[in-house]
C-alpha atoms as a PDB file:
ATOM      1  CA  MET A   1       0.062  -0.139   0.026  1.00  0.00           C
ATOM      2  CA  ASN A   2       1.213   3.462  -0.864  1.00  0.00           C
ATOM      3  CA  LYS A   3       1.505   6.501   1.547  1.00  0.00           C
ATOM      4  CA  THR A   4      -2.197   7.721   0.824  1.00  0.00           C
ATOM      5  CA  GLY A   5      -3.598   4.136   1.692  1.00  0.00           C
ATOM      6  CA  LEU A   6      -5.675   3.795  -1.307  1.00  0.00           C
ATOM      7  CA  PRO A   7      -4.669   1.159  -4.020  1.00  0.00           C
ATOM      8  CA  VAL A   8      -3.034   2.348  -7.177  1.00  0.00           C
ATOM      9  CA  VAL A   9      -2.817   0.658 -10.375  1.00  0.00           C
ATOM     10  CA  CYS A  10       0.071   1.544 -12.603  1.00  0.00           C
ATOM     11  CA  ARG A  11      -1.433   1.169 -16.230  1.00  0.00           C
ATOM     12  CA  GLY A  12       0.715   0.947 -19.360  1.00  0.00           C
ATOM     13  CA  VAL A  13       3.543  -0.791 -18.210  1.00  0.00           C
ATOM     14  CA  THR A  14       5.434  -2.169 -20.923  1.00  0.00           C
ATOM     15  CA  ASN A  15       8.894  -3.622 -19.038  1.00  0.00           C
ATOM     16  CA  THR A  16      10.243  -5.172 -16.006  1.00  0.00           C
ATOM     17  CA  MET A  17      12.079  -2.201 -14.608  1.00  0.00           C
ATOM     18  CA  ASP A  18       9.037  -0.044 -14.767  1.00  0.00           C
ATOM     19  CA  ALA A  19       7.142  -2.559 -13.366  1.00  0.00           C
ATOM     20  CA  LEU A  20       9.612  -3.088 -10.171  1.00  0.00           C
ATOM     21  CA  ARG A  21       9.627   0.555  -9.878  1.00  0.00           C
ATOM     22  CA  CYS A  22       5.720   0.674  -9.618  1.00  0.00           C
ATOM     23  CA  ALA A  23       5.801  -2.336  -6.860  1.00  0.00           C
ATOM     24  CA  ALA A  24       8.470  -0.692  -5.010  1.00  0.00           C
ATOM     25  CA  GLU A  25       6.403   2.629  -4.862  1.00  0.00           C
ATOM     26  CA  GLY A  26       3.720   0.894  -3.341  1.00  0.00           C
ATOM     27  CA  ALA A  27       1.401  -0.033  -6.320  1.00  0.00           C
ATOM     28  CA  ALA A  28      -1.247  -2.438  -5.762  1.00  0.00           C
ATOM     29  CA  ALA A  29      -1.427  -3.921  -9.511  1.00  0.00           C
ATOM     30  CA  ILE A  30       0.761  -3.477 -12.733  1.00  0.00           C
ATOM     31  CA  TRP A  31      -1.401  -3.256 -15.880  1.00  0.00           C
ATOM     32  CA  VAL A  32       0.663  -4.537 -18.744  1.00  0.00           C
ATOM     33  CA  THR A  33      -0.993  -3.157 -22.051  1.00  0.00           C
ATOM     34  CA  SER A  34       0.459  -2.901 -25.668  1.00  0.00           C
ATOM     35  CA  ASN A  35       2.805  -0.169 -26.549  1.00  0.00           C
ATOM     36  CA  PHE A  36       2.701   0.198 -30.422  1.00  0.00           C
ATOM     37  CA  GLU A  37       6.358   1.520 -30.211  1.00  0.00           C
ATOM     38  CA  SER A  38       7.430  -1.614 -29.233  1.00  0.00           C
ATOM     39  CA  GLY A  39       7.295  -4.980 -31.165  1.00  0.00           C
ATOM     40  CA  ALA A  40       6.808  -7.063 -28.239  1.00  0.00           C
ATOM     41  CA  SER A  41       3.422  -8.559 -27.232  1.00  0.00           C
ATOM     42  CA  PRO A  42       1.562  -7.861 -24.405  1.00  0.00           C
ATOM     43  CA  ILE A  43       1.691 -11.499 -23.142  1.00  0.00           C
ATOM     44  CA  ALA A  44       5.493 -11.959 -23.568  1.00  0.00           C
ATOM     45  CA  VAL A  45       6.103  -8.725 -21.383  1.00  0.00           C
ATOM     46  CA  MET A  46       3.400 -10.091 -18.717  1.00  0.00           C
ATOM     47  CA  LYS A  47       5.488 -13.189 -18.409  1.00  0.00           C
ATOM     48  CA  LYS A  48       8.753 -11.192 -17.865  1.00  0.00           C
ATOM     49  CA  ILE A  49       7.091  -8.899 -15.323  1.00  0.00           C
ATOM     50  CA  ILE A  50       5.497 -11.659 -13.614  1.00  0.00           C
ATOM     51  CA  VAL A  51       8.683 -13.749 -13.147  1.00  0.00           C
ATOM     52  CA  THR A  52      10.623 -10.253 -11.807  1.00  0.00           C
ATOM     53  CA  LEU A  53       7.901  -9.384  -9.585  1.00  0.00           C
ATOM     54  CA  ARG A  54       7.528 -12.754  -7.826  1.00  0.00           C
ATOM     55  CA  GLY A  55      11.172 -12.423  -5.994  1.00  0.00           C
ATOM     56  CA  ASN A  56      10.309  -9.427  -3.827  1.00  0.00           C
ATOM     57  CA  HIS A  57       6.705  -8.061  -4.786  1.00  0.00           C
ATOM     58  CA  TRP A  58       4.931 -11.430  -4.817  1.00  0.00           C
ATOM     59  CA  ASP A  59       1.728  -9.500  -3.496  1.00  0.00           C
ATOM     60  CA  THR A  60       1.522  -7.223  -6.707  1.00  0.00           C
ATOM     61  CA  GLU A  61      -1.368  -7.990  -8.865  1.00  0.00           C
ATOM     62  CA  VAL A  62      -0.907  -8.176 -12.872  1.00  0.00           C
ATOM     63  CA  PHE A  63      -3.614  -7.208 -15.218  1.00  0.00           C
ATOM     64  CA  LEU A  64      -3.218  -7.709 -18.875  1.00  0.00           C
ATOM     65  CA  SER A  65      -5.073  -5.979 -21.788  1.00  0.00           C
ATOM     66  CA  GLY A  66      -4.169  -6.184 -25.337  1.00  0.00           C
ATOM     67  CA  GLY A  67      -3.887  -9.032 -27.879  1.00  0.00           C
ATOM     68  CA  ILE A  68      -6.740 -11.137 -26.297  1.00  0.00           C
ATOM     69  CA  ARG A  69      -8.608 -12.315 -29.140  1.00  0.00           C
ATOM     70  CA  ARG A  70     -10.002 -15.670 -27.951  1.00  0.00           C
ATOM     71  CA  GLY A  71     -10.732 -17.381 -24.759  1.00  0.00           C
ATOM     72  CA  THR A  72      -7.760 -19.628 -25.000  1.00  0.00           C
ATOM     73  CA  ASP A  73      -5.854 -16.489 -24.858  1.00  0.00           C
ATOM     74  CA  VAL A  74      -7.486 -15.652 -21.509  1.00  0.00           C
ATOM     75  CA  LEU A  75      -6.867 -19.249 -20.334  1.00  0.00           C
ATOM     76  CA  LYS A  76      -2.961 -18.551 -21.102  1.00  0.00           C
ATOM     77  CA  ALA A  77      -2.484 -15.228 -19.513  1.00  0.00           C
ATOM     78  CA  ILE A  78      -4.107 -16.590 -16.393  1.00  0.00           C
ATOM     79  CA  ALA A  79      -1.829 -19.720 -16.359  1.00  0.00           C
ATOM     80  CA  LEU A  80       0.740 -17.540 -16.694  1.00  0.00           C
ATOM     81  CA  GLY A  81       0.086 -15.634 -13.538  1.00  0.00           C
ATOM     82  CA  ALA A  82      -2.496 -12.617 -14.696  1.00  0.00           C
ATOM     83  CA  THR A  83      -4.827 -11.917 -11.863  1.00  0.00           C
ATOM     84  CA  CYS A  84      -7.182  -9.950 -14.523  1.00  0.00           C
ATOM     85  CA  VAL A  85      -7.402 -10.077 -18.281  1.00  0.00           C
ATOM     86  CA  PHE A  86      -9.342  -7.382 -20.147  1.00  0.00           C
ATOM     87  CA  LEU A  87     -10.780  -8.139 -23.604  1.00  0.00           C
ATOM     88  CA  ASP A  88      -9.986  -5.787 -26.571  1.00  0.00           C
ATOM     89  CA  PRO A  89     -12.907  -3.625 -27.478  1.00  0.00           C
ATOM     90  CA  GLU A  90     -12.840  -5.325 -31.092  1.00  0.00           C
ATOM     91  CA  THR A  91     -13.502  -8.748 -29.412  1.00  0.00           C
ATOM     92  CA  SER A  92     -16.530  -7.807 -27.393  1.00  0.00           C
ATOM     93  CA  LEU A  93     -18.146  -5.872 -30.169  1.00  0.00           C
ATOM     94  CA  TRP A  94     -17.685  -9.084 -32.439  1.00  0.00           C
ATOM     95  CA  ALA A  95     -19.325 -10.996 -29.830  1.00  0.00           C
ATOM     96  CA  LEU A  96     -22.149  -8.635 -29.394  1.00  0.00           C
ATOM     97  CA  TYR A  97     -22.676  -8.603 -33.242  1.00  0.00           C
ATOM     98  CA  HIS A  98     -22.588 -12.433 -33.649  1.00  0.00           C
ATOM     99  CA  GLY A  99     -25.016 -12.828 -30.488  1.00  0.00           C
END
């Protein structure tokens, strides 16, 4: 918990150093999202972040958004250690359209 007592979620984290800094400053969760400037997929980055955080900051949750297209993608993310997985807007709209 940070100094204010409110849980803080750091969104847009795309590398392990930023994730460690956020966790060290008291973030309750790290939200890994896609960054169009880098070529790495969010799930690959998330895997590295989880491995890094589990050493000292095991209680920091990891959220994932970006690159999730199918239910199997959600299962993969959870199996790798994601606490929460967000669907892409296109996926949600496609599901609503097709009923």
